[in-house]
Amino acid sequence: MSAQKRLRIYFTGVGGQGSLTATALLARTALYAGVDVVAGEVHGMAQRGGVVESVLLLGGWRSPKLEYGEADIILGFEPLETLRGLPYLRKGGVVFSSSDAMPPVSVALGVESYPSMDEIRERVGAVASQSHFLPCRELGMKAGAVQAGNTVLLAALCASNLLPFGVDVFEKALQIFLPEKIKAANLKALEFGQDYIANA
């Protein structure tokens, strides 16, 4: 096989959102496309509300290690976690994030304050060459299932031409790997993510 495009993707979200499921789905899509994949959990808390981080390395990496400043892409399933994960992004990398806030326990307890979306966008924009904030929760519900919001984010990434495969391959993967009962909502969510990038 010819040399593959090497990419390092950092995923971050809040427990209960399904970010690890999303990581696994993108990994399976890459394998289906014939791309070498290494995936791993950086650190995760299974309970609802804990921070969950994972990595997906495409194109022939040996181990799922990711240091600060090395990620080409950040996929954030919650905007504050996107901001917290920003140190992992290399200068000029790309960010795809949900714009739907799910304030963590530390905010609920008053230990931390939640920054405004304008502040989050500004701080992300200072590092990233491009950033996309999508109303994933809203679009997921519009597609038929709030969890399909994750598919909106993945579809936007797949439609961006940054990966070694496109949204067409992701659509085939959804058809193959998802249970029948959630297929329709996720395929609709894919359309929303694709449309967002087309109109960005």
N, C-alpha and C. Protein backbone atom coordinates (compact mmCIF):
# COMPACT_ATOMS: atom_id res chain seq x y z
N MET A 1 0.84 -1.19 0.00
CA MET A 1 0.00 0.00 0.00
C MET A 1 0.88 1.25 0.00
N SER A 2 0.47 2.29 -0.74
CA SER A 2 1.24 3.52 -0.79
C SER A 2 1.20 4.21 0.57
N ALA A 3 2.12 5.16 0.74
CA ALA A 3 2.18 5.88 2.01
C ALA A 3 0.84 6.56 2.28
N GLN A 4 0.36 6.39 3.49
CA GLN A 4 -0.94 6.96 3.84
C GLN A 4 -0.77 8.31 4.50
N LYS A 5 -1.78 9.12 4.36
CA LYS A 5 -1.82 10.41 5.04
C LYS A 5 -1.88 10.14 6.54
N ARG A 6 -0.95 10.71 7.29
CA ARG A 6 -0.91 10.45 8.73
C ARG A 6 -1.59 11.59 9.48
N LEU A 7 -2.53 11.23 10.31
CA LEU A 7 -3.30 12.22 11.05
C LEU A 7 -3.46 11.79 12.50
N ARG A 8 -3.43 12.77 13.38
CA ARG A 8 -3.65 12.49 14.80
C ARG A 8 -4.89 13.27 15.24
N ILE A 9 -5.89 12.55 15.73
CA ILE A 9 -7.16 13.16 16.12
C ILE A 9 -7.37 12.95 17.62
N TYR A 10 -7.69 14.04 18.28
CA TYR A 10 -7.96 14.01 19.73
C TYR A 10 -9.45 14.23 19.95
N PHE A 11 -10.07 13.32 20.68
CA PHE A 11 -11.50 13.40 21.00
C PHE A 11 -11.65 13.78 22.47
N THR A 12 -12.56 14.68 22.76
CA THR A 12 -12.82 15.00 24.16
C THR A 12 -14.30 15.31 24.37
N GLY A 13 -14.81 14.88 25.51
CA GLY A 13 -16.22 15.09 25.80
C GLY A 13 -16.50 14.81 27.27
N VAL A 14 -17.77 14.68 27.55
CA VAL A 14 -18.23 14.45 28.91
C VAL A 14 -18.85 13.06 28.98
N GLY A 15 -18.62 12.35 30.08
CA GLY A 15 -19.17 11.01 30.23
C GLY A 15 -20.68 10.99 29.99
N GLY A 16 -21.14 10.00 29.26
CA GLY A 16 -22.56 9.88 28.96
C GLY A 16 -22.92 10.43 27.59
N GLN A 17 -21.96 11.10 26.93
CA GLN A 17 -22.23 11.68 25.61
C GLN A 17 -22.02 10.69 24.47
N GLY A 18 -21.24 9.67 24.71
CA GLY A 18 -20.96 8.71 23.64
C GLY A 18 -19.73 9.04 22.81
N SER A 19 -18.79 9.81 23.39
CA SER A 19 -17.61 10.18 22.61
C SER A 19 -16.70 8.98 22.34
N LEU A 20 -16.65 8.01 23.27
CA LEU A 20 -15.85 6.80 23.02
C LEU A 20 -16.50 5.95 21.93
N THR A 21 -17.83 5.92 21.92
CA THR A 21 -18.55 5.21 20.85
C THR A 21 -18.25 5.87 19.51
N ALA A 22 -18.20 7.19 19.50
CA ALA A 22 -17.90 7.94 18.27
C ALA A 22 -16.47 7.64 17.80
N THR A 23 -15.55 7.56 18.75
CA THR A 23 -14.16 7.22 18.41
C THR A 23 -14.10 5.85 17.75
N ALA A 24 -14.81 4.89 18.34
CA ALA A 24 -14.82 3.52 17.80
C ALA A 24 -15.46 3.48 16.41
N LEU A 25 -16.50 4.28 16.21
CA LEU A 25 -17.18 4.30 14.91
C LEU A 25 -16.27 4.88 13.83
N LEU A 26 -15.55 5.94 14.15
CA LEU A 26 -14.63 6.52 13.16
C LEU A 26 -13.47 5.57 12.89
N ALA A 27 -13.02 4.86 13.93
CA ALA A 27 -11.95 3.86 13.75
C ALA A 27 -12.41 2.74 12.81
N ARG A 28 -13.65 2.28 13.00
CA ARG A 28 -14.18 1.22 12.14
C ARG A 28 -14.36 1.70 10.70
N THR A 29 -14.73 2.98 10.57
CA THR A 29 -14.86 3.57 9.24
C THR A 29 -13.51 3.60 8.54
N ALA A 30 -12.48 4.00 9.27
CA ALA A 30 -11.13 4.06 8.70
C ALA A 30 -10.65 2.67 8.28
N LEU A 31 -10.88 1.68 9.14
CA LEU A 31 -10.51 0.30 8.80
C LEU A 31 -11.25 -0.18 7.55
N TYR A 32 -12.53 0.15 7.47
CA TYR A 32 -13.34 -0.21 6.31
C TYR A 32 -12.77 0.43 5.04
N ALA A 33 -12.20 1.64 5.20
CA ALA A 33 -11.61 2.36 4.06
C ALA A 33 -10.19 1.87 3.74
N GLY A 34 -9.68 0.93 4.56
CA GLY A 34 -8.34 0.40 4.32
C GLY A 34 -7.22 1.26 4.88
N VAL A 35 -7.56 2.10 5.85
CA VAL A 35 -6.57 2.99 6.47
C VAL A 35 -6.07 2.36 7.77
N ASP A 36 -4.76 2.42 8.01
CA ASP A 36 -4.20 1.92 9.26
C ASP A 36 -4.68 2.78 10.42
N VAL A 37 -5.11 2.12 11.50
CA VAL A 37 -5.69 2.84 12.63
C VAL A 37 -5.07 2.37 13.95
N VAL A 38 -4.78 3.32 14.82
CA VAL A 38 -4.44 3.01 16.20
C VAL A 38 -5.34 3.90 17.05
N ALA A 39 -6.07 3.32 17.99
CA ALA A 39 -6.97 4.10 18.84
C ALA A 39 -6.69 3.78 20.29
N GLY A 40 -6.97 4.72 21.15
CA GLY A 40 -6.79 4.48 22.57
C GLY A 40 -7.48 5.54 23.40
N GLU A 41 -7.73 5.17 24.64
CA GLU A 41 -8.34 6.10 25.57
C GLU A 41 -7.23 6.79 26.33
N VAL A 42 -7.23 8.11 26.32
CA VAL A 42 -6.20 8.84 27.06
C VAL A 42 -6.51 8.71 28.54
N HIS A 43 -7.76 9.03 28.84
CA HIS A 43 -8.19 8.91 30.23
C HIS A 43 -9.69 9.11 30.19
N GLY A 44 -10.40 8.32 30.93
CA GLY A 44 -11.84 8.46 30.86
C GLY A 44 -12.50 8.13 32.18
N MET A 45 -13.61 8.77 32.43
CA MET A 45 -14.39 8.47 33.62
C MET A 45 -15.75 8.01 33.15
N ALA A 46 -16.06 6.79 33.46
CA ALA A 46 -17.28 6.20 32.93
C ALA A 46 -18.54 6.88 33.44
N GLN A 47 -18.44 7.45 34.65
CA GLN A 47 -19.67 8.02 35.18
C GLN A 47 -20.07 9.26 34.40
N ARG A 48 -21.37 9.50 34.38
CA ARG A 48 -21.91 10.66 33.68
C ARG A 48 -21.30 11.94 34.26
N GLY A 49 -20.83 12.81 33.37
CA GLY A 49 -20.30 14.09 33.82
C GLY A 49 -18.79 14.16 33.90
N GLY A 50 -18.10 13.00 33.93
CA GLY A 50 -16.64 13.02 33.97
C GLY A 50 -16.07 13.31 32.59
N VAL A 51 -14.82 13.78 32.56
CA VAL A 51 -14.15 14.07 31.29
C VAL A 51 -13.73 12.76 30.63
N VAL A 52 -13.99 12.65 29.33
CA VAL A 52 -13.58 11.46 28.59
C VAL A 52 -12.73 11.92 27.41
N GLU A 53 -11.52 11.36 27.31
CA GLU A 53 -10.60 11.73 26.23
C GLU A 53 -10.12 10.47 25.53
N SER A 54 -10.03 10.54 24.21
CA SER A 54 -9.49 9.40 23.45
C SER A 54 -8.75 9.93 22.22
N VAL A 55 -7.95 9.06 21.63
CA VAL A 55 -7.20 9.46 20.44
C VAL A 55 -7.39 8.44 19.32
N LEU A 56 -7.29 8.94 18.11
CA LEU A 56 -7.36 8.09 16.93
C LEU A 56 -6.25 8.54 15.99
N LEU A 57 -5.32 7.64 15.72
CA LEU A 57 -4.19 7.96 14.86
C LEU A 57 -4.33 7.18 13.55
N LEU A 58 -4.35 7.91 12.45
CA LEU A 58 -4.56 7.31 11.14
C LEU A 58 -3.28 7.34 10.30
N GLY A 59 -3.03 6.27 9.57
CA GLY A 59 -1.95 6.29 8.60
C GLY A 59 -0.65 5.64 9.01
N GLY A 60 -0.67 4.77 10.03
CA GLY A 60 0.52 3.98 10.33
C GLY A 60 1.34 4.43 11.52
N TRP A 61 0.68 4.68 12.64
CA TRP A 61 1.38 5.00 13.89
C TRP A 61 1.53 3.71 14.70
N ARG A 62 2.54 3.70 15.58
CA ARG A 62 2.80 2.48 16.35
C ARG A 62 1.98 2.39 17.64
N SER A 63 1.79 3.52 18.30
CA SER A 63 1.05 3.47 19.57
C SER A 63 0.14 4.68 19.69
N PRO A 64 -0.93 4.53 20.47
CA PRO A 64 -1.91 5.63 20.58
C PRO A 64 -1.50 6.70 21.58
N LYS A 65 -0.28 7.23 21.39
CA LYS A 65 0.20 8.27 22.30
C LYS A 65 0.06 9.61 21.63
N LEU A 66 -0.33 10.59 22.43
CA LEU A 66 -0.49 11.94 21.90
C LEU A 66 -0.05 12.92 22.97
N GLU A 67 0.92 13.75 22.61
CA GLU A 67 1.41 14.76 23.56
C GLU A 67 0.82 16.12 23.20
N TYR A 68 1.00 17.07 24.08
CA TYR A 68 0.54 18.43 23.80
C TYR A 68 1.16 18.93 22.49
N GLY A 69 0.36 19.64 21.71
CA GLY A 69 0.84 20.25 20.47
C GLY A 69 0.98 19.29 19.30
N GLU A 70 0.43 18.08 19.42
CA GLU A 70 0.62 17.09 18.35
C GLU A 70 -0.64 16.77 17.55
N ALA A 71 -1.82 17.08 18.05
CA ALA A 71 -3.04 16.70 17.34
C ALA A 71 -3.26 17.58 16.11
N ASP A 72 -3.59 16.94 15.01
CA ASP A 72 -3.94 17.67 13.78
C ASP A 72 -5.38 18.17 13.86
N ILE A 73 -6.22 17.39 14.55
CA ILE A 73 -7.64 17.69 14.64
C ILE A 73 -8.12 17.44 16.06
N ILE A 74 -8.95 18.33 16.57
CA ILE A 74 -9.67 18.08 17.82
C ILE A 74 -11.15 17.92 17.48
N LEU A 75 -11.74 16.86 18.01
CA LEU A 75 -13.18 16.66 17.93
C LEU A 75 -13.72 16.83 19.35
N GLY A 76 -14.43 17.91 19.58
CA GLY A 76 -14.93 18.19 20.91
C GLY A 76 -16.44 18.01 20.97
N PHE A 77 -16.89 17.19 21.90
CA PHE A 77 -18.32 16.91 22.01
C PHE A 77 -19.00 17.84 23.01
N GLU A 78 -18.20 18.75 23.60
CA GLU A 78 -18.72 19.73 24.56
C GLU A 78 -17.75 20.90 24.51
N PRO A 79 -18.25 22.15 24.37
CA PRO A 79 -17.35 23.28 24.11
C PRO A 79 -16.29 23.56 25.17
N LEU A 80 -16.63 23.45 26.45
CA LEU A 80 -15.61 23.68 27.48
C LEU A 80 -14.52 22.61 27.41
N GLU A 81 -14.91 21.37 27.13
CA GLU A 81 -13.91 20.30 27.00
C GLU A 81 -13.05 20.51 25.75
N THR A 82 -13.64 21.10 24.71
CA THR A 82 -12.85 21.46 23.52
C THR A 82 -11.77 22.46 23.93
N LEU A 83 -12.18 23.46 24.70
CA LEU A 83 -11.23 24.47 25.17
C LEU A 83 -10.15 23.86 26.04
N ARG A 84 -10.54 22.98 26.95
CA ARG A 84 -9.57 22.32 27.84
C ARG A 84 -8.60 21.44 27.05
N GLY A 85 -9.08 20.87 25.94
CA GLY A 85 -8.23 20.00 25.13
C GLY A 85 -7.34 20.74 24.16
N LEU A 86 -7.50 22.06 24.08
CA LEU A 86 -6.77 22.86 23.09
C LEU A 86 -5.24 22.72 23.15
N PRO A 87 -4.64 22.52 24.35
CA PRO A 87 -3.18 22.34 24.38
C PRO A 87 -2.69 21.17 23.52
N TYR A 88 -3.58 20.20 23.25
CA TYR A 88 -3.16 19.05 22.41
C TYR A 88 -3.04 19.43 20.93
N LEU A 89 -3.71 20.51 20.52
CA LEU A 89 -3.74 20.86 19.11
C LEU A 89 -2.44 21.51 18.67
N ARG A 90 -1.94 21.07 17.52
CA ARG A 90 -0.77 21.75 16.96
C ARG A 90 -1.20 23.10 16.41
N LYS A 91 -0.27 24.04 16.35
CA LYS A 91 -0.57 25.36 15.79
C LYS A 91 -1.00 25.15 14.34
N GLY A 92 -2.18 25.69 13.98
CA GLY A 92 -2.67 25.53 12.63
C GLY A 92 -3.52 24.29 12.43
N GLY A 93 -3.77 23.53 13.51
CA GLY A 93 -4.65 22.37 13.41
C GLY A 93 -6.11 22.82 13.24
N VAL A 94 -7.01 21.85 13.21
CA VAL A 94 -8.42 22.13 12.94
C VAL A 94 -9.28 21.61 14.09
N VAL A 95 -10.32 22.38 14.42
CA VAL A 95 -11.22 22.00 15.51
C VAL A 95 -12.65 21.84 14.98
N PHE A 96 -13.26 20.74 15.35
CA PHE A 96 -14.69 20.52 15.14
C PHE A 96 -15.29 20.33 16.53
N SER A 97 -16.29 21.12 16.87
CA SER A 97 -16.84 21.02 18.22
C SER A 97 -18.34 21.22 18.22
N SER A 98 -18.97 20.57 19.17
CA SER A 98 -20.35 20.88 19.46
C SER A 98 -20.39 22.25 20.13
N SER A 99 -21.44 23.01 19.89
CA SER A 99 -21.59 24.31 20.56
C SER A 99 -22.57 24.20 21.73
N ASP A 100 -22.99 22.96 22.04
CA ASP A 100 -23.97 22.74 23.11
C ASP A 100 -23.28 22.49 24.45
N ALA A 101 -23.49 23.42 25.37
CA ALA A 101 -22.82 23.32 26.68
C ALA A 101 -23.47 22.26 27.56
N MET A 102 -22.61 21.46 28.21
CA MET A 102 -23.03 20.53 29.27
C MET A 102 -22.10 20.79 30.44
N PRO A 103 -22.37 21.83 31.22
CA PRO A 103 -21.44 22.24 32.27
C PRO A 103 -21.04 21.08 33.19
N PRO A 104 -19.73 20.92 33.42
CA PRO A 104 -19.26 19.82 34.26
C PRO A 104 -19.58 20.06 35.73
N VAL A 105 -19.33 19.04 36.51
CA VAL A 105 -19.61 19.09 37.95
C VAL A 105 -18.91 20.27 38.60
N SER A 106 -17.68 20.56 38.18
CA SER A 106 -16.91 21.65 38.79
C SER A 106 -17.62 23.01 38.63
N VAL A 107 -18.33 23.18 37.51
CA VAL A 107 -19.08 24.42 37.29
C VAL A 107 -20.33 24.42 38.17
N ALA A 108 -21.01 23.26 38.21
CA ALA A 108 -22.22 23.14 39.04
C ALA A 108 -21.90 23.41 40.51
N LEU A 109 -20.71 23.04 40.94
CA LEU A 109 -20.30 23.24 42.34
C LEU A 109 -19.75 24.64 42.60
N GLY A 110 -19.61 25.42 41.52
CA GLY A 110 -19.09 26.77 41.67
C GLY A 110 -17.58 26.86 41.76
N VAL A 111 -16.89 25.74 41.50
CA VAL A 111 -15.42 25.72 41.55
C VAL A 111 -14.85 26.44 40.32
N GLU A 112 -15.53 26.29 39.19
CA GLU A 112 -15.11 26.94 37.96
C GLU A 112 -16.29 27.68 37.35
N SER A 113 -15.98 28.69 36.54
CA SER A 113 -17.06 29.37 35.81
C SER A 113 -17.01 28.90 34.36
N TYR A 114 -18.14 28.99 33.69
CA TYR A 114 -18.22 28.53 32.31
C TYR A 114 -18.00 29.73 31.38
N PRO A 115 -16.99 29.66 30.51
CA PRO A 115 -16.73 30.80 29.61
C PRO A 115 -17.85 30.95 28.57
N SER A 116 -17.97 32.13 28.01
CA SER A 116 -18.97 32.34 26.95
C SER A 116 -18.52 31.66 25.67
N MET A 117 -19.48 31.38 24.77
CA MET A 117 -19.11 30.77 23.49
C MET A 117 -18.20 31.69 22.70
N ASP A 118 -18.40 33.00 22.82
CA ASP A 118 -17.52 33.95 22.11
C ASP A 118 -16.08 33.80 22.58
N GLU A 119 -15.91 33.64 23.90
CA GLU A 119 -14.55 33.47 24.45
C GLU A 119 -13.94 32.15 23.98
N ILE A 120 -14.75 31.10 23.99
CA ILE A 120 -14.26 29.79 23.53
C ILE A 120 -13.84 29.86 22.07
N ARG A 121 -14.68 30.46 21.23
CA ARG A 121 -14.36 30.58 19.79
C ARG A 121 -13.07 31.39 19.59
N GLU A 122 -12.94 32.46 20.36
CA GLU A 122 -11.76 33.33 20.24
C GLU A 122 -10.49 32.59 20.63
N ARG A 123 -10.54 31.87 21.73
CA ARG A 123 -9.35 31.16 22.20
C ARG A 123 -8.98 30.00 21.28
N VAL A 124 -9.99 29.32 20.75
CA VAL A 124 -9.73 28.25 19.78
C VAL A 124 -9.15 28.84 18.49
N GLY A 125 -9.73 29.97 18.05
CA GLY A 125 -9.28 30.62 16.82
C GLY A 125 -7.85 31.12 16.87
N ALA A 126 -7.34 31.34 18.09
CA ALA A 126 -5.95 31.80 18.24
C ALA A 126 -4.95 30.68 17.94
N VAL A 127 -5.40 29.44 17.98
CA VAL A 127 -4.51 28.29 17.75
C VAL A 127 -4.83 27.59 16.43
N ALA A 128 -6.12 27.40 16.17
CA ALA A 128 -6.56 26.61 15.01
C ALA A 128 -6.57 27.44 13.73
N SER A 129 -6.29 26.78 12.61
CA SER A 129 -6.37 27.45 11.31
C SER A 129 -7.83 27.57 10.87
N GLN A 130 -8.64 26.64 11.34
CA GLN A 130 -10.08 26.73 11.12
C GLN A 130 -10.79 26.00 12.25
N SER A 131 -11.98 26.50 12.58
CA SER A 131 -12.76 25.85 13.63
C SER A 131 -14.23 25.89 13.25
N HIS A 132 -14.92 24.82 13.60
CA HIS A 132 -16.33 24.67 13.27
C HIS A 132 -17.08 24.31 14.55
N PHE A 133 -18.07 25.11 14.91
CA PHE A 133 -18.90 24.84 16.08
C PHE A 133 -20.31 24.55 15.60
N LEU A 134 -20.77 23.34 15.83
CA LEU A 134 -22.07 22.90 15.32
C LEU A 134 -23.06 22.66 16.47
N PRO A 135 -24.32 23.01 16.29
CA PRO A 135 -25.34 22.73 17.32
C PRO A 135 -25.74 21.25 17.27
N CYS A 136 -24.83 20.40 17.70
CA CYS A 136 -24.98 18.94 17.52
C CYS A 136 -26.23 18.38 18.21
N ARG A 137 -26.46 18.84 19.43
CA ARG A 137 -27.62 18.33 20.17
C ARG A 137 -28.92 18.65 19.44
N GLU A 138 -29.03 19.90 19.01
CA GLU A 138 -30.22 20.36 18.29
C GLU A 138 -30.40 19.58 16.98
N LEU A 139 -29.31 19.42 16.25
CA LEU A 139 -29.39 18.71 14.97
C LEU A 139 -29.65 17.23 15.17
N GLY A 140 -29.10 16.66 16.26
CA GLY A 140 -29.37 15.26 16.58
C GLY A 140 -30.85 15.04 16.85
N MET A 141 -31.44 15.95 17.65
CA MET A 141 -32.86 15.84 17.95
C MET A 141 -33.70 16.00 16.68
N LYS A 142 -33.27 16.89 15.82
CA LYS A 142 -33.96 17.12 14.55
C LYS A 142 -33.88 15.86 13.67
N ALA A 143 -32.77 15.14 13.80
CA ALA A 143 -32.58 13.91 13.02
C ALA A 143 -33.38 12.73 13.60
N GLY A 144 -33.76 12.86 14.88
CA GLY A 144 -34.57 11.81 15.49
C GLY A 144 -34.03 11.19 16.75
N ALA A 145 -32.80 11.57 17.15
CA ALA A 145 -32.22 11.04 18.39
C ALA A 145 -31.10 11.97 18.83
N VAL A 146 -31.14 12.41 20.08
CA VAL A 146 -30.14 13.36 20.55
C VAL A 146 -28.72 12.81 20.39
N GLN A 147 -28.56 11.48 20.57
CA GLN A 147 -27.23 10.86 20.44
C GLN A 147 -26.68 10.96 19.01
N ALA A 148 -27.59 11.14 18.04
CA ALA A 148 -27.14 11.26 16.64
C ALA A 148 -26.37 12.56 16.42
N GLY A 149 -26.38 13.44 17.42
CA GLY A 149 -25.58 14.66 17.33
C GLY A 149 -24.10 14.36 17.13
N ASN A 150 -23.64 13.25 17.69
CA ASN A 150 -22.24 12.85 17.49
C ASN A 150 -21.96 12.54 16.03
N THR A 151 -22.95 11.95 15.36
CA THR A 151 -22.80 11.64 13.94
C THR A 151 -22.73 12.91 13.11
N VAL A 152 -23.44 13.96 13.55
CA VAL A 152 -23.37 15.26 12.87
C VAL A 152 -21.91 15.73 12.86
N LEU A 153 -21.26 15.64 14.01
CA LEU A 153 -19.87 16.09 14.15
C LEU A 153 -18.92 15.24 13.30
N LEU A 154 -19.10 13.92 13.36
CA LEU A 154 -18.24 13.02 12.58
C LEU A 154 -18.45 13.24 11.08
N ALA A 155 -19.70 13.46 10.67
CA ALA A 155 -19.99 13.67 9.26
C ALA A 155 -19.36 14.97 8.76
N ALA A 156 -19.42 16.00 9.61
CA ALA A 156 -18.78 17.27 9.23
C ALA A 156 -17.28 17.07 9.01
N LEU A 157 -16.65 16.31 9.90
CA LEU A 157 -15.23 16.00 9.74
C LEU A 157 -14.97 15.23 8.45
N CYS A 158 -15.79 14.20 8.20
CA CYS A 158 -15.61 13.37 7.00
C CYS A 158 -15.85 14.16 5.72
N ALA A 159 -16.70 15.20 5.80
CA ALA A 159 -17.02 16.01 4.61
C ALA A 159 -16.00 17.12 4.38
N SER A 160 -15.04 17.26 5.30
CA SER A 160 -14.11 18.40 5.26
C SER A 160 -12.91 18.18 4.34
N ASN A 161 -12.75 16.97 3.82
CA ASN A 161 -11.60 16.60 2.98
C ASN A 161 -10.27 16.58 3.75
N LEU A 162 -10.35 16.52 5.06
CA LEU A 162 -9.13 16.44 5.87
C LEU A 162 -8.69 15.00 6.09
N LEU A 163 -9.64 14.07 6.01
CA LEU A 163 -9.35 12.66 6.27
C LEU A 163 -9.00 11.94 4.96
N PRO A 164 -8.38 10.75 5.07
CA PRO A 164 -8.06 9.99 3.86
C PRO A 164 -9.27 9.26 3.28
N PHE A 165 -10.46 9.56 3.78
CA PHE A 165 -11.71 9.01 3.23
C PHE A 165 -12.78 10.08 3.40
N GLY A 166 -13.86 9.94 2.65
CA GLY A 166 -14.88 10.98 2.67
C GLY A 166 -16.18 10.54 3.32
N VAL A 167 -17.17 11.39 3.19
CA VAL A 167 -18.45 11.16 3.84
C VAL A 167 -19.19 9.97 3.22
N ASP A 168 -18.88 9.67 1.97
CA ASP A 168 -19.50 8.50 1.31
C ASP A 168 -19.11 7.20 2.01
N VAL A 169 -17.85 7.10 2.40
CA VAL A 169 -17.36 5.92 3.12
C VAL A 169 -17.98 5.87 4.52
N PHE A 170 -18.09 7.03 5.15
CA PHE A 170 -18.71 7.09 6.48
C PHE A 170 -20.17 6.63 6.41
N GLU A 171 -20.85 7.03 5.37
CA GLU A 171 -22.25 6.62 5.19
C GLU A 171 -22.36 5.09 5.06
N LYS A 172 -21.45 4.50 4.30
CA LYS A 172 -21.44 3.03 4.16
C LYS A 172 -21.16 2.36 5.50
N ALA A 173 -20.25 2.96 6.27
CA ALA A 173 -19.92 2.40 7.60
C ALA A 173 -21.13 2.45 8.53
N LEU A 174 -21.88 3.54 8.48
CA LEU A 174 -23.09 3.64 9.29
C LEU A 174 -24.07 2.53 8.92
N GLN A 175 -24.20 2.28 7.62
CA GLN A 175 -25.11 1.24 7.14
C GLN A 175 -24.69 -0.14 7.65
N ILE A 176 -23.38 -0.35 7.71
CA ILE A 176 -22.84 -1.66 8.08
C ILE A 176 -22.81 -1.86 9.60
N PHE A 177 -22.33 -0.85 10.33
CA PHE A 177 -22.00 -1.05 11.74
C PHE A 177 -23.07 -0.64 12.75
N LEU A 178 -24.04 0.16 12.33
CA LEU A 178 -25.05 0.60 13.30
C LEU A 178 -26.24 -0.36 13.37
N PRO A 179 -26.83 -0.53 14.55
CA PRO A 179 -28.04 -1.33 14.67
C PRO A 179 -29.17 -0.70 13.84
N GLU A 180 -30.01 -1.54 13.30
CA GLU A 180 -31.09 -1.09 12.40
C GLU A 180 -31.94 0.02 13.02
N LYS A 181 -32.23 -0.10 14.32
CA LYS A 181 -33.19 0.83 14.94
C LYS A 181 -32.67 2.27 15.03
N ILE A 182 -31.35 2.47 14.97
CA ILE A 182 -30.83 3.85 15.04
C ILE A 182 -30.24 4.32 13.71
N LYS A 183 -30.36 3.50 12.69
CA LYS A 183 -29.76 3.82 11.40
C LYS A 183 -30.35 5.08 10.76
N ALA A 184 -31.68 5.16 10.71
CA ALA A 184 -32.35 6.26 10.00
C ALA A 184 -31.97 7.62 10.60
N ALA A 185 -31.99 7.71 11.94
CA ALA A 185 -31.65 8.99 12.60
C ALA A 185 -30.21 9.38 12.32
N ASN A 186 -29.32 8.40 12.33
CA ASN A 186 -27.90 8.69 12.10
C ASN A 186 -27.61 9.06 10.65
N LEU A 187 -28.32 8.45 9.72
CA LEU A 187 -28.13 8.82 8.31
C LEU A 187 -28.65 10.23 8.06
N LYS A 188 -29.72 10.61 8.76
CA LYS A 188 -30.23 11.98 8.65
C LYS A 188 -29.22 12.95 9.27
N ALA A 189 -28.66 12.56 10.40
CA ALA A 189 -27.64 13.38 11.07
C ALA A 189 -26.42 13.57 10.18
N LEU A 190 -26.06 12.53 9.44
CA LEU A 190 -24.95 12.62 8.49
C LEU A 190 -25.23 13.72 7.46
N GLU A 191 -26.45 13.78 6.96
CA GLU A 191 -26.82 14.82 5.99
C GLU A 191 -26.65 16.21 6.60
N PHE A 192 -27.05 16.37 7.87
CA PHE A 192 -26.92 17.67 8.53
C PHE A 192 -25.45 18.09 8.65
N GLY A 193 -24.60 17.15 9.03
CA GLY A 193 -23.17 17.45 9.16
C GLY A 193 -22.54 17.80 7.83
N GLN A 194 -22.92 17.07 6.80
CA GLN A 194 -22.43 17.30 5.45
C GLN A 194 -22.88 18.67 4.93
N ASP A 195 -24.15 18.98 5.16
CA ASP A 195 -24.70 20.28 4.72
C ASP A 195 -24.01 21.43 5.42
N TYR A 196 -23.70 21.23 6.71
CA TYR A 196 -23.05 22.30 7.46
C TYR A 196 -21.71 22.68 6.80
N ILE A 197 -20.91 21.67 6.47
CA ILE A 197 -19.61 21.93 5.87
C ILE A 197 -19.76 22.53 4.47
N ALA A 198 -20.75 22.05 3.73
CA ALA A 198 -20.99 22.56 2.38
C ALA A 198 -21.34 24.05 2.40
N ASN A 199 -21.99 24.48 3.49
CA ASN A 199 -22.42 25.88 3.60
C ASN A 199 -21.54 26.73 4.51
N ALA A 200 -20.47 26.11 5.04
CA ALA A 200 -19.61 26.85 5.99
C ALA A 200 -18.85 27.97 5.29
